[in-house]
Amino acid sequence: MHPAVKVLVGLVMIAVGLGLFVDSISPILGTSKYIPGDWLQNFLIVLTGVIPIFLILIGLFVVWLEIDELKLERELREEEEKEKSEEKPKPEEKKEEKKE
């Protein structure tokens, strides 16, 4: 699907959503048996129910990222220490090099 069509569909969805909220604030369309009642109140109820779940999920995501970052830092530090220890020749090797 072309991006312009997707933008158009998105704008239509935004307009319909805003229209439903405006209608629940000041009824323009009147009451309809096909479109049930107070959209804004229903939205607020769902929002208050979803906020704790999102906070828990975002918190878990942050903890997971930070634990992973700590593990990577520890592994990097261990690799750097290993490389430093391999680069330094042992004292016995230095003596042998001087004798030759």
C-alpha atoms as a PDB file:
ATOM      1  CA  MET A   1       0.000   0.000   0.000  1.00  0.00           C
ATOM      2  CA  HIS A   2       1.277   3.457  -0.891  1.00  0.00           C
ATOM      3  CA  PRO A   3       2.358   5.661   2.045  1.00  0.00           C
ATOM      4  CA  ALA A   4      -0.075   8.406   1.004  1.00  0.00           C
ATOM      5  CA  VAL A   5      -2.984   5.960   1.331  1.00  0.00           C
ATOM      6  CA  LYS A   6      -1.785   4.970   4.801  1.00  0.00           C
ATOM      7  CA  VAL A   7      -1.605   8.635   5.801  1.00  0.00           C
ATOM      8  CA  LEU A   8      -5.132   9.182   4.508  1.00  0.00           C
ATOM      9  CA  VAL A   9      -6.443   6.170   6.448  1.00  0.00           C
ATOM     10  CA  GLY A  10      -4.698   7.445   9.571  1.00  0.00           C
ATOM     11  CA  LEU A  11      -6.236  10.889   9.199  1.00  0.00           C
ATOM     12  CA  VAL A  12      -9.706   9.381   8.761  1.00  0.00           C
ATOM     13  CA  MET A  13      -9.207   7.304  11.910  1.00  0.00           C
ATOM     14  CA  ILE A  14      -8.102  10.399  13.830  1.00  0.00           C
ATOM     15  CA  ALA A  15     -11.114  12.356  12.603  1.00  0.00           C
ATOM     16  CA  VAL A  16     -13.548   9.595  13.571  1.00  0.00           C
ATOM     17  CA  GLY A  17     -11.975   9.217  17.002  1.00  0.00           C
ATOM     18  CA  LEU A  18     -12.038  12.946  17.677  1.00  0.00           C
ATOM     19  CA  GLY A  19     -15.614  13.099  16.399  1.00  0.00           C
ATOM     20  CA  LEU A  20     -16.679  10.456  18.883  1.00  0.00           C
ATOM     21  CA  PHE A  21     -15.037  12.343  21.756  1.00  0.00           C
ATOM     22  CA  VAL A  22     -16.538  15.661  20.688  1.00  0.00           C
ATOM     23  CA  ASP A  23     -19.929  13.994  20.415  1.00  0.00           C
ATOM     24  CA  SER A  24     -19.687  12.746  23.979  1.00  0.00           C
ATOM     25  CA  ILE A  25     -18.788  16.250  25.200  1.00  0.00           C
ATOM     26  CA  SER A  26     -21.502  18.078  23.273  1.00  0.00           C
ATOM     27  CA  PRO A  27     -23.957  15.820  21.420  1.00  0.00           C
ATOM     28  CA  ILE A  28     -24.176  16.912  17.805  1.00  0.00           C
ATOM     29  CA  LEU A  29     -25.446  13.749  16.216  1.00  0.00           C
ATOM     30  CA  GLY A  30     -28.084  13.082  18.829  1.00  0.00           C
ATOM     31  CA  THR A  31     -28.559   9.692  20.410  1.00  0.00           C
ATOM     32  CA  SER A  32     -28.249   6.606  18.278  1.00  0.00           C
ATOM     33  CA  LYS A  33     -29.064   3.025  19.115  1.00  0.00           C
ATOM     34  CA  TYR A  34     -26.145   1.876  16.923  1.00  0.00           C
ATOM     35  CA  ILE A  35     -23.454   4.050  18.522  1.00  0.00           C
ATOM     36  CA  PRO A  36     -23.564   3.530  22.269  1.00  0.00           C
ATOM     37  CA  GLY A  37     -23.207   6.362  24.681  1.00  0.00           C
ATOM     38  CA  ASP A  38     -20.411   8.146  26.410  1.00  0.00           C
ATOM     39  CA  TRP A  39     -17.156   7.501  24.554  1.00  0.00           C
ATOM     40  CA  LEU A  40     -15.098   9.842  26.691  1.00  0.00           C
ATOM     41  CA  GLN A  41     -16.186   8.194  29.947  1.00  0.00           C
ATOM     42  CA  ASN A  42     -15.494   4.742  28.486  1.00  0.00           C
ATOM     43  CA  PHE A  43     -12.053   5.893  27.345  1.00  0.00           C
ATOM     44  CA  LEU A  44     -11.211   7.230  30.787  1.00  0.00           C
ATOM     45  CA  ILE A  45     -12.283   3.956  32.412  1.00  0.00           C
ATOM     46  CA  VAL A  46     -10.083   1.927  30.056  1.00  0.00           C
ATOM     47  CA  LEU A  47      -7.198   4.362  30.475  1.00  0.00           C
ATOM     48  CA  THR A  48      -7.293   4.141  34.262  1.00  0.00           C
ATOM     49  CA  GLY A  49      -7.327   0.354  33.997  1.00  0.00           C
ATOM     50  CA  VAL A  50      -4.426   0.198  31.541  1.00  0.00           C
ATOM     51  CA  ILE A  51      -2.036   2.671  33.198  1.00  0.00           C
ATOM     52  CA  PRO A  52      -0.911   0.269  35.975  1.00  0.00           C
ATOM     53  CA  ILE A  53      -0.281  -2.497  33.439  1.00  0.00           C
ATOM     54  CA  PHE A  54       1.814  -0.169  31.265  1.00  0.00           C
ATOM     55  CA  LEU A  55       3.792   1.013  34.289  1.00  0.00           C
ATOM     56  CA  ILE A  56       4.549  -2.588  35.258  1.00  0.00           C
ATOM     57  CA  LEU A  57       5.574  -3.522  31.709  1.00  0.00           C
ATOM     58  CA  ILE A  58       7.730  -0.426  31.248  1.00  0.00           C
ATOM     59  CA  GLY A  59       9.349  -1.048  34.640  1.00  0.00           C
ATOM     60  CA  LEU A  60      10.123  -4.645  33.715  1.00  0.00           C
ATOM     61  CA  PHE A  61      11.583  -3.496  30.401  1.00  0.00           C
ATOM     62  CA  VAL A  62      13.829  -0.928  32.101  1.00  0.00           C
ATOM     63  CA  VAL A  63      15.038  -3.470  34.680  1.00  0.00           C
ATOM     64  CA  TRP A  64      15.746  -6.004  31.927  1.00  0.00           C
ATOM     65  CA  LEU A  65      17.707  -3.439  29.886  1.00  0.00           C
ATOM     66  CA  GLU A  66      19.766  -2.299  32.860  1.00  0.00           C
ATOM     67  CA  ILE A  67      20.581  -5.846  33.987  1.00  0.00           C
ATOM     68  CA  ASP A  68      21.672  -6.656  30.440  1.00  0.00           C
ATOM     69  CA  GLU A  69      23.811  -3.523  30.349  1.00  0.00           C
ATOM     70  CA  LEU A  70      25.458  -4.451  33.668  1.00  0.00           C
ATOM     71  CA  LYS A  71      26.250  -7.922  32.322  1.00  0.00           C
ATOM     72  CA  LEU A  72      27.771  -6.455  29.161  1.00  0.00           C
ATOM     73  CA  GLU A  73      29.901  -4.009  31.168  1.00  0.00           C
ATOM     74  CA  ARG A  74      31.155  -6.828  33.383  1.00  0.00           C
ATOM     75  CA  GLU A  75      32.019  -8.993  30.365  1.00  0.00           C
ATOM     76  CA  LEU A  76      33.793  -6.089  28.669  1.00  0.00           C
ATOM     77  CA  ARG A  77      35.787  -5.367  31.823  1.00  0.00           C
ATOM     78  CA  GLU A  78      36.771  -9.049  32.110  1.00  0.00           C
ATOM     79  CA  GLU A  79      37.879  -9.119  28.455  1.00  0.00           C
ATOM     80  CA  GLU A  80      39.941  -5.957  28.907  1.00  0.00           C
ATOM     81  CA  GLU A  81      41.614  -7.409  31.997  1.00  0.00           C
ATOM     82  CA  LYS A  82      42.319 -10.623  30.114  1.00  0.00           C
ATOM     83  CA  GLU A  83      43.869  -8.709  27.214  1.00  0.00           C
ATOM     84  CA  LYS A  84      46.013  -6.648  29.601  1.00  0.00           C
ATOM     85  CA  SER A  85      47.270  -9.766  31.346  1.00  0.00           C
ATOM     86  CA  GLU A  86      48.132 -11.383  28.004  1.00  0.00           C
ATOM     87  CA  GLU A  87      49.999  -8.277  26.804  1.00  0.00           C
ATOM     88  CA  LYS A  88      52.274  -8.062  29.860  1.00  0.00           C
ATOM     89  CA  PRO A  89      55.091 -10.557  29.568  1.00  0.00           C
ATOM     90  CA  LYS A  90      55.838 -12.592  32.637  1.00  0.00           C
ATOM     91  CA  PRO A  91      58.996 -11.706  34.610  1.00  0.00           C
ATOM     92  CA  GLU A  92      60.608 -15.025  33.605  1.00  0.00           C
ATOM     93  CA  GLU A  93      60.142 -14.191  29.924  1.00  0.00           C
ATOM     94  CA  LYS A  94      61.851 -10.812  30.442  1.00  0.00           C
ATOM     95  CA  LYS A  95      64.918 -12.486  31.988  1.00  0.00           C
ATOM     96  CA  GLU A  96      65.143 -14.946  29.109  1.00  0.00           C
ATOM     97  CA  GLU A  97      64.945 -12.125  26.564  1.00  0.00           C
ATOM     98  CA  LYS A  98      67.797 -10.254  28.314  1.00  0.00           C
ATOM     99  CA  LYS A  99      70.080 -13.331  28.329  1.00  0.00           C
ATOM    100  CA  GLU A 100      69.743 -13.840  24.583  1.00  0.00           C
END
